[in-house]
Amino acid sequence: MSNSTLSKKLASVKPGTLFVGVDLALDRNVAVVLTERAEQLGRFGFPNERDGYDYFYRRLEAIQEQQQAPALLVGMEPTNYFWKLLAADIEQRRPKYGYRLVNPYTVKKNREGVTGQIV
């Protein structure tokens, strides 16, 4: 990715945006909410079903209101088909929330402490 493309992507994120990383699974998903400075604001699980998604949105709205954040950006790995379920639900029910798919290899390297560009 060129520096110009990365700069455009970063410029599109509003200052104060909260970042939500979601680890998707068959039965139970886990969400972690971070500030733009990577400070963890919350971590919670929710079932991979309608009631679970409703709980996910309620928790995000509460954290967003508490932090007075202008926007939320959800990131998830495109593994299996689970991401499609959450992505479709976000598009239908919470279009104001942006979401991005995160390369699983990049996530692995970041966990290992190897720095690099996030795609």
PDB file of N, CA and C in Angstrom:
ATOM      1  N   MET A   1       0.855  -1.164   0.000  1.00  0.00           N
ATOM      2  CA  MET A   1       0.000   0.000   0.000  1.00  0.00           C
ATOM      3  C   MET A   1       0.899   1.225   0.000  1.00  0.00           C
ATOM      4  N   SER A   2       0.584   2.177  -0.839  1.00  0.00           N
ATOM      5  CA  SER A   2       1.394   3.380  -0.924  1.00  0.00           C
ATOM      6  C   SER A   2       1.109   4.302   0.259  1.00  0.00           C
ATOM      7  N   ASN A   3       2.039   5.193   0.533  1.00  0.00           N
ATOM      8  CA  ASN A   3       1.855   6.152   1.629  1.00  0.00           C
ATOM      9  C   ASN A   3       0.669   7.063   1.366  1.00  0.00           C
ATOM     10  N   SER A   4       0.421   7.363   0.097  1.00  0.00           N
ATOM     11  CA  SER A   4      -0.705   8.214  -0.273  1.00  0.00           C
ATOM     12  C   SER A   4      -2.032   7.542   0.077  1.00  0.00           C
ATOM     13  N   THR A   5      -2.149   6.237  -0.221  1.00  0.00           N
ATOM     14  CA  THR A   5      -3.376   5.501   0.085  1.00  0.00           C
ATOM     15  C   THR A   5      -3.579   5.403   1.586  1.00  0.00           C
ATOM     16  N   LEU A   6      -2.517   5.096   2.318  1.00  0.00           N
ATOM     17  CA  LEU A   6      -2.596   5.008   3.770  1.00  0.00           C
ATOM     18  C   LEU A   6      -2.981   6.356   4.368  1.00  0.00           C
ATOM     19  N   SER A   7      -2.417   7.429   3.859  1.00  0.00           N
ATOM     20  CA  SER A   7      -2.743   8.771   4.347  1.00  0.00           C
ATOM     21  C   SER A   7      -4.217   9.103   4.129  1.00  0.00           C
ATOM     22  N   LYS A   8      -4.749   8.719   2.978  1.00  0.00           N
ATOM     23  CA  LYS A   8      -6.169   8.967   2.692  1.00  0.00           C
ATOM     24  C   LYS A   8      -7.058   8.179   3.646  1.00  0.00           C
ATOM     25  N   LYS A   9      -6.692   6.919   3.904  1.00  0.00           N
ATOM     26  CA  LYS A   9      -7.482   6.105   4.821  1.00  0.00           C
ATOM     27  C   LYS A   9      -7.464   6.695   6.235  1.00  0.00           C
ATOM     28  N   LEU A  10      -6.291   7.100   6.679  1.00  0.00           N
ATOM     29  CA  LEU A  10      -6.183   7.680   8.018  1.00  0.00           C
ATOM     30  C   LEU A  10      -6.912   9.013   8.120  1.00  0.00           C
ATOM     31  N   ALA A  11      -6.893   9.802   7.054  1.00  0.00           N
ATOM     32  CA  ALA A  11      -7.566  11.100   7.046  1.00  0.00           C
ATOM     33  C   ALA A  11      -9.082  10.941   7.111  1.00  0.00           C
ATOM     34  N   SER A  12      -9.594   9.806   6.662  1.00  0.00           N
ATOM     35  CA  SER A  12     -11.045   9.600   6.674  1.00  0.00           C
ATOM     36  C   SER A  12     -11.576   9.238   8.063  1.00  0.00           C
ATOM     37  N   VAL A  13     -10.685   8.931   8.995  1.00  0.00           N
ATOM     38  CA  VAL A  13     -11.101   8.593  10.362  1.00  0.00           C
ATOM     39  C   VAL A  13     -11.167   9.875  11.186  1.00  0.00           C
ATOM     40  N   LYS A  14     -12.330  10.133  11.762  1.00  0.00           N
ATOM     41  CA  LYS A  14     -12.518  11.344  12.564  1.00  0.00           C
ATOM     42  C   LYS A  14     -11.716  11.260  13.858  1.00  0.00           C
ATOM     43  N   PRO A  15     -11.134  12.385  14.297  1.00  0.00           N
ATOM     44  CA  PRO A  15     -10.445  12.376  15.592  1.00  0.00           C
ATOM     45  C   PRO A  15     -11.422  11.980  16.705  1.00  0.00           C
ATOM     46  N   GLY A  16     -10.959  11.141  17.616  1.00  0.00           N
ATOM     47  CA  GLY A  16     -11.811  10.696  18.709  1.00  0.00           C
ATOM     48  C   GLY A  16     -12.607   9.440  18.409  1.00  0.00           C
ATOM     49  N   THR A  17     -12.434   8.882  17.213  1.00  0.00           N
ATOM     50  CA  THR A  17     -13.141   7.660  16.838  1.00  0.00           C
ATOM     51  C   THR A  17     -12.735   6.509  17.762  1.00  0.00           C
ATOM     52  N   LEU A  18     -13.698   5.691  18.133  1.00  0.00           N
ATOM     53  CA  LEU A  18     -13.422   4.483  18.911  1.00  0.00           C
ATOM     54  C   LEU A  18     -13.285   3.311  17.945  1.00  0.00           C
ATOM     55  N   PHE A  19     -12.360   2.419  18.259  1.00  0.00           N
ATOM     56  CA  PHE A  19     -12.102   1.251  17.425  1.00  0.00           C
ATOM     57  C   PHE A  19     -12.564   0.006  18.170  1.00  0.00           C
ATOM     58  N   VAL A  20     -13.307  -0.840  17.472  1.00  0.00           N
ATOM     59  CA  VAL A  20     -13.860  -2.047  18.064  1.00  0.00           C
ATOM     60  C   VAL A  20     -13.331  -3.246  17.292  1.00  0.00           C
ATOM     61  N   GLY A  21     -12.542  -4.059  17.964  1.00  0.00           N
ATOM     62  CA  GLY A  21     -12.052  -5.286  17.366  1.00  0.00           C
ATOM     63  C   GLY A  21     -12.962  -6.425  17.792  1.00  0.00           C
ATOM     64  N   VAL A  22     -13.434  -7.205  16.831  1.00  0.00           N
ATOM     65  CA  VAL A  22     -14.341  -8.309  17.145  1.00  0.00           C
ATOM     66  C   VAL A  22     -13.696  -9.620  16.722  1.00  0.00           C
ATOM     67  N   ASP A  23     -13.598 -10.545  17.673  1.00  0.00           N
ATOM     68  CA  ASP A  23     -13.126 -11.889  17.394  1.00  0.00           C
ATOM     69  C   ASP A  23     -14.369 -12.748  17.218  1.00  0.00           C
ATOM     70  N   LEU A  24     -14.608 -13.198  16.008  1.00  0.00           N
ATOM     71  CA  LEU A  24     -15.834 -13.913  15.662  1.00  0.00           C
ATOM     72  C   LEU A  24     -15.669 -15.419  15.849  1.00  0.00           C
ATOM     73  N   ALA A  25     -16.733 -16.051  16.332  1.00  0.00           N
ATOM     74  CA  ALA A  25     -16.721 -17.498  16.534  1.00  0.00           C
ATOM     75  C   ALA A  25     -18.128 -18.048  16.309  1.00  0.00           C
ATOM     76  N   LEU A  26     -18.232 -19.357  16.326  1.00  0.00           N
ATOM     77  CA  LEU A  26     -19.509 -20.022  16.066  1.00  0.00           C
ATOM     78  C   LEU A  26     -20.573 -19.662  17.097  1.00  0.00           C
ATOM     79  N   ASP A  27     -20.240 -19.758  18.370  1.00  0.00           N
ATOM     80  CA  ASP A  27     -21.226 -19.540  19.422  1.00  0.00           C
ATOM     81  C   ASP A  27     -21.119 -18.181  20.100  1.00  0.00           C
ATOM     82  N   ARG A  28     -19.911 -17.754  20.391  1.00  0.00           N
ATOM     83  CA  ARG A  28     -19.723 -16.543  21.190  1.00  0.00           C
ATOM     84  C   ARG A  28     -18.618 -15.682  20.586  1.00  0.00           C
ATOM     85  N   ASN A  29     -18.937 -14.409  20.371  1.00  0.00           N
ATOM     86  CA  ASN A  29     -17.988 -13.432  19.856  1.00  0.00           C
ATOM     87  C   ASN A  29     -17.437 -12.618  21.021  1.00  0.00           C
ATOM     88  N   VAL A  30     -16.265 -12.025  20.824  1.00  0.00           N
ATOM     89  CA  VAL A  30     -15.672 -11.149  21.833  1.00  0.00           C
ATOM     90  C   VAL A  30     -15.323  -9.826  21.168  1.00  0.00           C
ATOM     91  N   ALA A  31     -15.708  -8.731  21.831  1.00  0.00           N
ATOM     92  CA  ALA A  31     -15.410  -7.393  21.321  1.00  0.00           C
ATOM     93  C   ALA A  31     -14.505  -6.661  22.299  1.00  0.00           C
ATOM     94  N   VAL A  32     -13.549  -5.915  21.769  1.00  0.00           N
ATOM     95  CA  VAL A  32     -12.673  -5.070  22.564  1.00  0.00           C
ATOM     96  C   VAL A  32     -12.778  -3.661  21.985  1.00  0.00           C
ATOM     97  N   VAL A  33     -13.040  -2.685  22.854  1.00  0.00           N
ATOM     98  CA  VAL A  33     -13.199  -1.294  22.423  1.00  0.00           C
ATOM     99  C   VAL A  33     -11.949  -0.521  22.837  1.00  0.00           C
ATOM    100  N   LEU A  34     -11.346   0.174  21.863  1.00  0.00           N
ATOM    101  CA  LEU A  34     -10.115   0.935  22.093  1.00  0.00           C
ATOM    102  C   LEU A  34     -10.286   2.390  21.678  1.00  0.00           C
ATOM    103  N   THR A  35      -9.544   3.260  22.349  1.00  0.00           N
ATOM    104  CA  THR A  35      -9.479   4.656  21.924  1.00  0.00           C
ATOM    105  C   THR A  35      -8.476   4.755  20.776  1.00  0.00           C
ATOM    106  N   GLU A  36      -8.357   5.949  20.223  1.00  0.00           N
ATOM    107  CA  GLU A  36      -7.391   6.143  19.147  1.00  0.00           C
ATOM    108  C   GLU A  36      -5.955   6.030  19.655  1.00  0.00           C
ATOM    109  N   ARG A  37      -5.767   6.070  20.971  1.00  0.00           N
ATOM    110  CA  ARG A  37      -4.441   5.888  21.575  1.00  0.00           C
ATOM    111  C   ARG A  37      -4.232   4.454  22.069  1.00  0.00           C
ATOM    112  N   ALA A  38      -5.111   3.554  21.646  1.00  0.00           N
ATOM    113  CA  ALA A  38      -5.059   2.124  21.970  1.00  0.00           C
ATOM    114  C   ALA A  38      -5.280   1.837  23.457  1.00  0.00           C
ATOM    115  N   GLU A  39      -6.006   2.703  24.137  1.00  0.00           N
ATOM    116  CA  GLU A  39      -6.386   2.447  25.530  1.00  0.00           C
ATOM    117  C   GLU A  39      -7.668   1.629  25.515  1.00  0.00           C
ATOM    118  N   GLN A  40      -7.679   0.532  26.250  1.00  0.00           N
ATOM    119  CA  GLN A  40      -8.846  -0.347  26.258  1.00  0.00           C
ATOM    120  C   GLN A  40      -9.945   0.238  27.137  1.00  0.00           C
ATOM    121  N   LEU A  41     -11.128   0.409  26.547  1.00  0.00           N
ATOM    122  CA  LEU A  41     -12.284   0.948  27.267  1.00  0.00           C
ATOM    123  C   LEU A  41     -13.248  -0.143  27.710  1.00  0.00           C
ATOM    124  N   GLY A  42     -13.207  -1.260  27.041  1.00  0.00           N
ATOM    125  CA  GLY A  42     -14.126  -2.331  27.386  1.00  0.00           C
ATOM    126  C   GLY A  42     -13.807  -3.601  26.634  1.00  0.00           C
ATOM    127  N   ARG A  43     -14.216  -4.706  27.252  1.00  0.00           N
ATOM    128  CA  ARG A  43     -14.067  -6.022  26.625  1.00  0.00           C
ATOM    129  C   ARG A  43     -15.275  -6.836  27.073  1.00  0.00           C
ATOM    130  N   PHE A  44     -15.993  -7.411  26.116  1.00  0.00           N
ATOM    131  CA  PHE A  44     -17.180  -8.169  26.472  1.00  0.00           C
ATOM    132  C   PHE A  44     -17.481  -9.202  25.395  1.00  0.00           C
ATOM    133  N   GLY A  45     -18.172 -10.243  25.798  1.00  0.00           N
ATOM    134  CA  GLY A  45     -18.592 -11.277  24.873  1.00  0.00           C
ATOM    135  C   GLY A  45     -20.065 -11.116  24.548  1.00  0.00           C
ATOM    136  N   PHE A  46     -20.451 -11.671  23.416  1.00  0.00           N
ATOM    137  CA  PHE A  46     -21.863 -11.658  23.036  1.00  0.00           C
ATOM    138  C   PHE A  46     -22.139 -12.840  22.110  1.00  0.00           C
ATOM    139  N   PRO A  47     -23.316 -13.441  22.261  1.00  0.00           N
ATOM    140  CA  PRO A  47     -23.653 -14.604  21.438  1.00  0.00           C
ATOM    141  C   PRO A  47     -23.790 -14.239  19.959  1.00  0.00           C
ATOM    142  N   ASN A  48     -23.506 -15.201  19.110  1.00  0.00           N
ATOM    143  CA  ASN A  48     -23.606 -15.006  17.670  1.00  0.00           C
ATOM    144  C   ASN A  48     -25.045 -15.276  17.222  1.00  0.00           C
ATOM    145  N   GLU A  49     -25.946 -14.389  17.647  1.00  0.00           N
ATOM    146  CA  GLU A  49     -27.376 -14.491  17.331  1.00  0.00           C
ATOM    147  C   GLU A  49     -28.001 -13.105  17.470  1.00  0.00           C
ATOM    148  N   ARG A  50     -29.278 -12.972  17.122  1.00  0.00           N
ATOM    149  CA  ARG A  50     -29.962 -11.670  17.125  1.00  0.00           C
ATOM    150  C   ARG A  50     -29.844 -10.957  18.475  1.00  0.00           C
ATOM    151  N   ASP A  51     -30.174 -11.648  19.582  1.00  0.00           N
ATOM    152  CA  ASP A  51     -30.090 -11.009  20.897  1.00  0.00           C
ATOM    153  C   ASP A  51     -28.662 -10.584  21.227  1.00  0.00           C
ATOM    154  N   GLY A  52     -27.707 -11.362  20.785  1.00  0.00           N
ATOM    155  CA  GLY A  52     -26.307 -11.027  21.009  1.00  0.00           C
ATOM    156  C   GLY A  52     -25.896  -9.771  20.259  1.00  0.00           C
ATOM    157  N   TYR A  53     -26.345  -9.643  19.023  1.00  0.00           N
ATOM    158  CA  TYR A  53     -26.039  -8.437  18.254  1.00  0.00           C
ATOM    159  C   TYR A  53     -26.680  -7.206  18.898  1.00  0.00           C
ATOM    160  N   ASP A  54     -27.910  -7.370  19.388  1.00  0.00           N
ATOM    161  CA  ASP A  54     -28.576  -6.257  20.072  1.00  0.00           C
ATOM    162  C   ASP A  54     -27.776  -5.823  21.300  1.00  0.00           C
ATOM    163  N   TYR A  55     -27.292  -6.803  22.055  1.00  0.00           N
ATOM    164  CA  TYR A  55     -26.456  -6.510  23.224  1.00  0.00           C
ATOM    165  C   TYR A  55     -25.177  -5.798  22.786  1.00  0.00           C
ATOM    166  N   PHE A  56     -24.543  -6.260  21.727  1.00  0.00           N
ATOM    167  CA  PHE A  56     -23.332  -5.654  21.174  1.00  0.00           C
ATOM    168  C   PHE A  56     -23.566  -4.171  20.867  1.00  0.00           C
ATOM    169  N   TYR A  57     -24.674  -3.871  20.189  1.00  0.00           N
ATOM    170  CA  TYR A  57     -24.977  -2.478  19.841  1.00  0.00           C
ATOM    171  C   TYR A  57     -25.256  -1.628  21.079  1.00  0.00           C
ATOM    172  N   ARG A  58     -25.995  -2.176  22.037  1.00  0.00           N
ATOM    173  CA  ARG A  58     -26.273  -1.420  23.272  1.00  0.00           C
ATOM    174  C   ARG A  58     -24.986  -1.078  24.012  1.00  0.00           C
ATOM    175  N   ARG A  59     -24.085  -2.035  24.120  1.00  0.00           N
ATOM    176  CA  ARG A  59     -22.811  -1.778  24.805  1.00  0.00           C
ATOM    177  C   ARG A  59     -21.992  -0.721  24.057  1.00  0.00           C
ATOM    178  N   LEU A  60     -21.947  -0.828  22.735  1.00  0.00           N
ATOM    179  CA  LEU A  60     -21.183   0.157  21.957  1.00  0.00           C
ATOM    180  C   LEU A  60     -21.777   1.547  22.092  1.00  0.00           C
ATOM    181  N   GLU A  61     -23.101   1.642  22.038  1.00  0.00           N
ATOM    182  CA  GLU A  61     -23.747   2.950  22.179  1.00  0.00           C
ATOM    183  C   GLU A  61     -23.470   3.563  23.541  1.00  0.00           C
ATOM    184  N   ALA A  62     -23.481   2.744  24.587  1.00  0.00           N
ATOM    185  CA  ALA A  62     -23.205   3.246  25.939  1.00  0.00           C
ATOM    186  C   ALA A  62     -21.769   3.755  26.044  1.00  0.00           C
ATOM    187  N   ILE A  63     -20.824   3.008  25.507  1.00  0.00           N
ATOM    188  CA  ILE A  63     -19.417   3.426  25.560  1.00  0.00           C
ATOM    189  C   ILE A  63     -19.202   4.672  24.715  1.00  0.00           C
ATOM    190  N   GLN A  64     -19.816   4.711  23.533  1.00  0.00           N
ATOM    191  CA  GLN A  64     -19.676   5.877  22.664  1.00  0.00           C
ATOM    192  C   GLN A  64     -20.235   7.131  23.338  1.00  0.00           C
ATOM    193  N   GLU A  65     -21.386   6.997  23.982  1.00  0.00           N
ATOM    194  CA  GLU A  65     -21.986   8.136  24.674  1.00  0.00           C
ATOM    195  C   GLU A  65     -21.126   8.565  25.862  1.00  0.00           C
ATOM    196  N   GLN A  66     -20.644   7.609  26.625  1.00  0.00           N
ATOM    197  CA  GLN A  66     -19.808   7.911  27.786  1.00  0.00           C
ATOM    198  C   GLN A  66     -18.530   8.647  27.370  1.00  0.00           C
ATOM    199  N   GLN A  67     -17.933   8.224  26.269  1.00  0.00           N
ATOM    200  CA  GLN A  67     -16.685   8.833  25.793  1.00  0.00           C
ATOM    201  C   GLN A  67     -16.916  10.056  24.907  1.00  0.00           C
ATOM    202  N   GLN A  68     -18.165  10.307  24.556  1.00  0.00           N
ATOM    203  CA  GLN A  68     -18.533  11.388  23.637  1.00  0.00           C
ATOM    204  C   GLN A  68     -17.739  11.284  22.329  1.00  0.00           C
ATOM    205  N   ALA A  69     -17.659  10.054  21.833  1.00  0.00           N
ATOM    206  CA  ALA A  69     -16.909   9.788  20.609  1.00  0.00           C
ATOM    207  C   ALA A  69     -17.782  10.093  19.384  1.00  0.00           C
ATOM    208  N   PRO A  70     -17.207  10.700  18.362  1.00  0.00           N
ATOM    209  CA  PRO A  70     -17.989  11.044  17.171  1.00  0.00           C
ATOM    210  C   PRO A  70     -18.347   9.848  16.291  1.00  0.00           C
ATOM    211  N   ALA A  71     -17.562   8.764  16.383  1.00  0.00           N
ATOM    212  CA  ALA A  71     -17.802   7.627  15.492  1.00  0.00           C
ATOM    213  C   ALA A  71     -17.210   6.348  16.074  1.00  0.00           C
ATOM    214  N   LEU A  72     -17.659   5.233  15.511  1.00  0.00           N
ATOM    215  CA  LEU A  72     -17.141   3.901  15.855  1.00  0.00           C
ATOM    216  C   LEU A  72     -16.700   3.217  14.574  1.00  0.00           C
ATOM    217  N   LEU A  73     -15.620   2.477  14.651  1.00  0.00           N
ATOM    218  CA  LEU A  73     -15.142   1.705  13.511  1.00  0.00           C
ATOM    219  C   LEU A  73     -14.891   0.279  13.992  1.00  0.00           C
ATOM    220  N   VAL A  74     -15.614  -0.660  13.410  1.00  0.00           N
ATOM    221  CA  VAL A  74     -15.526  -2.062  13.797  1.00  0.00           C
ATOM    222  C   VAL A  74     -14.571  -2.778  12.858  1.00  0.00           C
ATOM    223  N   GLY A  75     -13.638  -3.535  13.427  1.00  0.00           N
ATOM    224  CA  GLY A  75     -12.704  -4.327  12.637  1.00  0.00           C
ATOM    225  C   GLY A  75     -12.879  -5.795  12.959  1.00  0.00           C
ATOM    226  N   MET A  76     -12.808  -6.644  11.927  1.00  0.00           N
ATOM    227  CA  MET A  76     -12.945  -8.085  12.126  1.00  0.00           C
ATOM    228  C   MET A  76     -12.180  -8.830  11.039  1.00  0.00           C
ATOM    229  N   GLU A  77     -11.743 -10.035  11.381  1.00  0.00           N
ATOM    230  CA  GLU A  77     -11.054 -10.873  10.410  1.00  0.00           C
ATOM    231  C   GLU A  77     -12.084 -11.573   9.527  1.00  0.00           C
ATOM    232  N   PRO A  78     -11.836 -11.656   8.230  1.00  0.00           N
ATOM    233  CA  PRO A  78     -12.774 -12.346   7.338  1.00  0.00           C
ATOM    234  C   PRO A  78     -12.550 -13.859   7.323  1.00  0.00           C
ATOM    235  N   THR A  79     -12.707 -14.486   8.490  1.00  0.00           N
ATOM    236  CA  THR A  79     -12.540 -15.929   8.581  1.00  0.00           C
ATOM    237  C   THR A  79     -13.912 -16.596   8.579  1.00  0.00           C
ATOM    238  N   ASN A  80     -13.987 -17.753   7.957  1.00  0.00           N
ATOM    239  CA  ASN A  80     -15.257 -18.463   7.793  1.00  0.00           C
ATOM    240  C   ASN A  80     -16.308 -17.528   7.205  1.00  0.00           C
ATOM    241  N   TYR A  81     -17.539 -17.720   7.565  1.00  0.00           N
ATOM    242  CA  TYR A  81     -18.610 -16.857   7.067  1.00  0.00           C
ATOM    243  C   TYR A  81     -19.162 -15.956   8.164  1.00  0.00           C
ATOM    244  N   PHE A  82     -18.638 -16.073   9.381  1.00  0.00           N
ATOM    245  CA  PHE A  82     -19.178 -15.321  10.514  1.00  0.00           C
ATOM    246  C   PHE A  82     -19.127 -13.807  10.289  1.00  0.00           C
ATOM    247  N   TRP A  83     -18.073 -13.337   9.626  1.00  0.00           N
ATOM    248  CA  TRP A  83     -17.943 -11.897   9.402  1.00  0.00           C
ATOM    249  C   TRP A  83     -19.079 -11.383   8.525  1.00  0.00           C
ATOM    250  N   LYS A  84     -19.544 -12.219   7.587  1.00  0.00           N
ATOM    251  CA  LYS A  84     -20.622 -11.789   6.697  1.00  0.00           C
ATOM    252  C   LYS A  84     -21.908 -11.535   7.468  1.00  0.00           C
ATOM    253  N   LEU A  85     -22.165 -12.346   8.490  1.00  0.00           N
ATOM    254  CA  LEU A  85     -23.368 -12.169   9.301  1.00  0.00           C
ATOM    255  C   LEU A  85     -23.335 -10.831  10.040  1.00  0.00           C
ATOM    256  N   LEU A  86     -22.220 -10.554  10.707  1.00  0.00           N
ATOM    257  CA  LEU A  86     -22.114  -9.299  11.460  1.00  0.00           C
ATOM    258  C   LEU A  86     -22.059  -8.100  10.516  1.00  0.00           C
ATOM    259  N   ALA A  87     -21.320  -8.223   9.427  1.00  0.00           N
ATOM    260  CA  ALA A  87     -21.220  -7.111   8.474  1.00  0.00           C
ATOM    261  C   ALA A  87     -22.587  -6.766   7.892  1.00  0.00           C
ATOM    262  N   ALA A  88     -23.360  -7.766   7.511  1.00  0.00           N
ATOM    263  CA  ALA A  88     -24.694  -7.525   6.954  1.00  0.00           C
ATOM    264  C   ALA A  88     -25.601  -6.879   7.999  1.00  0.00           C
ATOM    265  N   ASP A  89     -25.489  -7.318   9.241  1.00  0.00           N
ATOM    266  CA  ASP A  89     -26.311  -6.743  10.297  1.00  0.00           C
ATOM    267  C   ASP A  89     -25.927  -5.284  10.564  1.00  0.00           C
ATOM    268  N   ILE A  90     -24.640  -4.999  10.564  1.00  0.00           N
ATOM    269  CA  ILE A  90     -24.189  -3.614  10.742  1.00  0.00           C
ATOM    270  C   ILE A  90     -24.722  -2.745   9.603  1.00  0.00           C
ATOM    271  N   GLU A  91     -24.613  -3.223   8.375  1.00  0.00           N
ATOM    272  CA  GLU A  91     -25.095  -2.447   7.231  1.00  0.00           C
ATOM    273  C   GLU A  91     -26.592  -2.167   7.313  1.00  0.00           C
ATOM    274  N   GLN A  92     -27.368  -3.148   7.784  1.00  0.00           N
ATOM    275  CA  GLN A  92     -28.825  -2.982   7.872  1.00  0.00           C
ATOM    276  C   GLN A  92     -29.257  -2.162   9.075  1.00  0.00           C
ATOM    277  N   ARG A  93     -28.692  -2.463  10.235  1.00  0.00           N
ATOM    278  CA  ARG A  93     -29.227  -1.915  11.472  1.00  0.00           C
ATOM    279  C   ARG A  93     -28.418  -0.750  12.043  1.00  0.00           C
ATOM    280  N   ARG A  94     -27.123  -0.664  11.733  1.00  0.00           N
ATOM    281  CA  ARG A  94     -26.279   0.412  12.251  1.00  0.00           C
ATOM    282  C   ARG A  94     -25.358   0.942  11.158  1.00  0.00           C
ATOM    283  N   PRO A  95     -25.927   1.481  10.084  1.00  0.00           N
ATOM    284  CA  PRO A  95     -25.072   1.934   8.972  1.00  0.00           C
ATOM    285  C   PRO A  95     -24.114   3.064   9.360  1.00  0.00           C
ATOM    286  N   LYS A  96     -24.393   3.745  10.476  1.00  0.00           N
ATOM    287  CA  LYS A  96     -23.476   4.818  10.902  1.00  0.00           C
ATOM    288  C   LYS A  96     -22.162   4.250  11.429  1.00  0.00           C
ATOM    289  N   TYR A  97     -22.171   2.961  11.821  1.00  0.00           N
ATOM    290  CA  TYR A  97     -20.933   2.307  12.247  1.00  0.00           C
ATOM    291  C   TYR A  97     -20.203   1.840  11.001  1.00  0.00           C
ATOM    292  N   GLY A  98     -18.980   2.235  10.878  1.00  0.00           N
ATOM    293  CA  GLY A  98     -18.190   1.702   9.782  1.00  0.00           C
ATOM    294  C   GLY A  98     -17.598   0.364  10.196  1.00  0.00           C
ATOM    295  N   TYR A  99     -17.245  -0.449   9.230  1.00  0.00           N
ATOM    296  CA  TYR A  99     -16.522  -1.671   9.549  1.00  0.00           C
ATOM    297  C   TYR A  99     -15.468  -1.918   8.490  1.00  0.00           C
ATOM    298  N   ARG A 100     -14.410  -2.579   8.908  1.00  0.00           N
ATOM    299  CA  ARG A 100     -13.322  -2.935   8.010  1.00  0.00           C
ATOM    300  C   ARG A 100     -12.934  -4.381   8.268  1.00  0.00           C
ATOM    301  N   LEU A 101     -12.513  -5.037   7.218  1.00  0.00           N
ATOM    302  CA  LEU A 101     -11.978  -6.385   7.352  1.00  0.00           C
ATOM    303  C   LEU A 101     -10.475  -6.270   7.553  1.00  0.00           C
ATOM    304  N   VAL A 102      -9.965  -7.032   8.505  1.00  0.00           N
ATOM    305  CA  VAL A 102      -8.560  -6.959   8.876  1.00  0.00           C
ATOM    306  C   VAL A 102      -7.877  -8.252   8.458  1.00  0.00           C
ATOM    307  N   ASN A 103      -6.744  -8.140   7.815  1.00  0.00           N
ATOM    308  CA  ASN A 103      -5.989  -9.292   7.350  1.00  0.00           C
ATOM    309  C   ASN A 103      -5.543 -10.142   8.546  1.00  0.00           C
ATOM    310  N   PRO A 104      -5.916 -11.434   8.588  1.00  0.00           N
ATOM    311  CA  PRO A 104      -5.538 -12.297   9.711  1.00  0.00           C
ATOM    312  C   PRO A 104      -4.024 -12.381   9.933  1.00  0.00           C
ATOM    313  N   TYR A 105      -3.244 -12.329   8.872  1.00  0.00           N
ATOM    314  CA  TYR A 105      -1.791 -12.369   8.999  1.00  0.00           C
ATOM    315  C   TYR A 105      -1.280 -11.124   9.734  1.00  0.00           C
ATOM    316  N   THR A 106      -1.864  -9.973   9.422  1.00  0.00           N
ATOM    317  CA  THR A 106      -1.483  -8.733  10.085  1.00  0.00           C
ATOM    318  C   THR A 106      -1.824  -8.795  11.573  1.00  0.00           C
ATOM    319  N   VAL A 107      -3.001  -9.339  11.894  1.00  0.00           N
ATOM    320  CA  VAL A 107      -3.393  -9.485  13.302  1.00  0.00           C
ATOM    321  C   VAL A 107      -2.401 -10.380  14.027  1.00  0.00           C
ATOM    322  N   LYS A 108      -2.030 -11.480  13.411  1.00  0.00           N
ATOM    323  CA  LYS A 108      -1.075 -12.416  14.022  1.00  0.00           C
ATOM    324  C   LYS A 108       0.252 -11.719  14.287  1.00  0.00           C
ATOM    325  N   LYS A 109       0.750 -10.993  13.318  1.00  0.00           N
ATOM    326  CA  LYS A 109       2.034 -10.311  13.482  1.00  0.00           C
ATOM    327  C   LYS A 109       1.961  -9.226  14.557  1.00  0.00           C
ATOM    328  N   ASN A 110       0.845  -8.514  14.628  1.00  0.00           N
ATOM    329  CA  ASN A 110       0.703  -7.493  15.671  1.00  0.00           C
ATOM    330  C   ASN A 110       0.668  -8.126  17.046  1.00  0.00           C
ATOM    331  N   ARG A 111       0.035  -9.299  17.181  1.00  0.00           N
ATOM    332  CA  ARG A 111       0.026 -10.014  18.462  1.00  0.00           C
ATOM    333  C   ARG A 111       1.441 -10.428  18.856  1.00  0.00           C
ATOM    334  N   GLU A 112       2.246 -10.776  17.861  1.00  0.00           N
ATOM    335  CA  GLU A 112       3.628 -11.189  18.122  1.00  0.00           C
ATOM    336  C   GLU A 112       4.542  -9.993  18.368  1.00  0.00           C
ATOM    337  N   GLY A 113       4.047  -8.794  18.168  1.00  0.00           N
ATOM    338  CA  GLY A 113       4.843  -7.603  18.395  1.00  0.00           C
ATOM    339  C   GLY A 113       5.626  -7.130  17.191  1.00  0.00           C
ATOM    340  N   VAL A 114       5.337  -7.698  16.037  1.00  0.00           N
ATOM    341  CA  VAL A 114       6.000  -7.279  14.805  1.00  0.00           C
ATOM    342  C   VAL A 114       5.192  -6.123  14.236  1.00  0.00           C
ATOM    343  N   THR A 115       5.867  -5.011  14.008  1.00  0.00           N
ATOM    344  CA  THR A 115       5.149  -3.843  13.477  1.00  0.00           C
ATOM    345  C   THR A 115       5.172  -3.869  11.968  1.00  0.00           C
ATOM    346  N   GLY A 116       4.229  -3.189  11.410  1.00  0.00           N
ATOM    347  CA  GLY A 116       4.132  -3.098   9.959  1.00  0.00           C
ATOM    348  C   GLY A 116       2.863  -2.345   9.607  1.00  0.00           C
ATOM    349  N   GLN A 117       2.612  -2.210   8.347  1.00  0.00           N
ATOM    350  CA  GLN A 117       1.414  -1.507   7.918  1.00  0.00           C
ATOM    351  C   GLN A 117       0.201  -2.382   8.125  1.00  0.00           C
ATOM    352  N   ILE A 118      -0.871  -1.764   8.564  1.00  0.00           N
ATOM    353  CA  ILE A 118      -2.134  -2.466   8.713  1.00  0.00           C
ATOM    354  C   ILE A 118      -2.931  -2.237   7.453  1.00  0.00           C
ATOM    355  N   VAL A 119      -3.397  -3.306   6.876  1.00  0.00           N
ATOM    356  CA  VAL A 119      -4.132  -3.225   5.620  1.00  0.00           C
ATOM    357  C   VAL A 119      -5.607  -3.215   5.897  1.00  0.00           C
TER     358      VAL A 119
END
